[in-house]
């Protein structure tokens, strides 16, 4: 009889542990969903800022590229100007 009582006690404890682990799983899953939703909202709210930053960067790059492409022209004009003066 003692073995049967121990078995019942052990089964009760195992069921309690299963129940607690299931609760932990559910809590973890809910927290993961909350974090995912928060990250999505953060990305969505920051998206206009990011787009503006990208546009500003693109404009700066275009200006830099324009300067670089104009540099040989400026040097050529300076050279021609020097030749005319001399």
Protein backbone atom coordinates (compact mmCIF):
# COMPACT_ATOMS: atom_id res chain seq x y z
CA UNK A 1 0.00 0.00 0.00
CA UNK A 2 2.80 2.41 0.74
CA UNK A 3 4.09 2.11 -2.84
CA UNK A 4 0.63 2.88 -4.21
CA UNK A 5 0.40 6.01 -2.04
CA UNK A 6 3.80 7.20 -3.22
CA UNK A 7 2.79 6.61 -6.81
CA UNK A 8 -0.38 8.69 -6.36
CA UNK A 9 1.58 11.50 -4.68
CA UNK A 10 4.16 11.43 -7.45
CA UNK A 11 1.45 11.54 -10.13
CA UNK A 12 -0.17 14.54 -8.43
CA UNK A 13 3.18 16.34 -8.32
CA UNK A 14 3.89 15.51 -11.97
CA UNK A 15 0.48 16.90 -12.98
CA UNK A 16 1.15 20.07 -10.97
CA UNK A 17 4.50 20.49 -12.69
CA UNK A 18 2.93 19.96 -16.11
CA UNK A 19 0.30 22.55 -15.31
CA UNK A 20 2.94 25.05 -14.12
CA UNK A 21 5.08 24.47 -17.20
CA UNK A 22 2.05 24.98 -19.44
CA UNK A 23 1.33 28.26 -17.68
CA UNK A 24 4.96 29.28 -18.16
CA UNK A 25 4.77 28.40 -21.85
CA UNK A 26 1.61 30.44 -22.25
CA UNK A 27 3.15 33.40 -20.42
CA UNK A 28 6.31 33.21 -22.51
CA UNK A 29 4.32 33.00 -25.73
CA UNK A 30 2.23 36.02 -24.71
CA UNK A 31 5.37 37.98 -23.85
CA UNK A 32 6.93 37.08 -27.20
CA UNK A 33 3.80 38.25 -29.00
CA UNK A 34 3.82 41.49 -26.99
CA UNK A 35 7.49 42.14 -27.81
CA UNK A 36 6.90 41.39 -31.48
CA UNK A 37 3.95 43.78 -31.57
CA UNK A 38 5.96 46.47 -29.77
CA UNK A 39 8.84 46.10 -32.23
CA UNK A 40 6.48 46.32 -35.18
CA UNK A 41 4.90 49.47 -33.75
CA UNK A 42 8.34 50.94 -33.11
CA UNK A 43 9.45 50.23 -36.66
CA UNK A 44 6.22 51.64 -38.07
CA UNK A 45 6.48 54.78 -35.95
CA UNK A 46 10.15 55.26 -36.87
CA UNK A 47 9.64 54.52 -40.56
CA UNK A 48 8.95 58.16 -41.59
CA UNK A 49 12.10 59.25 -39.72
CA UNK A 50 14.14 56.55 -41.42
CA UNK A 51 12.74 57.45 -44.84
CA UNK A 52 13.62 61.12 -44.28
CA UNK A 53 17.11 60.13 -43.21
CA UNK A 54 17.52 57.97 -46.31
CA UNK A 55 16.29 60.80 -48.54
CA UNK A 56 18.69 63.24 -46.89
CA UNK A 57 21.53 60.78 -47.37
CA UNK A 58 20.58 60.29 -51.02
CA UNK A 59 20.57 64.06 -51.59
CA UNK A 60 23.97 64.36 -49.92
CA UNK A 61 25.33 61.53 -52.08
CA UNK A 62 23.94 63.15 -55.21
CA UNK A 63 25.57 66.45 -54.24
CA UNK A 64 28.86 64.68 -53.58
CA UNK A 65 28.64 62.87 -56.90
CA UNK A 66 27.87 66.14 -58.66
CA UNK A 67 30.91 67.75 -57.03
CA UNK A 68 33.10 64.84 -58.03
CA UNK A 69 31.85 64.89 -61.62
CA UNK A 70 32.36 68.67 -61.81
CA UNK A 71 35.89 68.51 -60.43
CA UNK A 72 37.60 67.57 -63.74
CA UNK A 73 35.63 70.31 -65.50
CA UNK A 74 36.72 72.88 -62.95
CA UNK A 75 40.36 71.80 -63.28
CA UNK A 76 40.12 72.00 -67.07
CA UNK A 77 38.61 75.47 -66.92
CA UNK A 78 41.30 76.58 -64.46
CA UNK A 79 43.98 75.22 -66.78
CA UNK A 80 42.46 76.99 -69.80
CA UNK A 81 42.20 80.19 -67.78
CA UNK A 82 45.88 79.94 -66.79
CA UNK A 83 46.86 79.34 -70.41
CA UNK A 84 44.97 82.43 -71.53
CA UNK A 85 46.57 84.55 -68.84
CA UNK A 86 50.08 83.34 -69.69
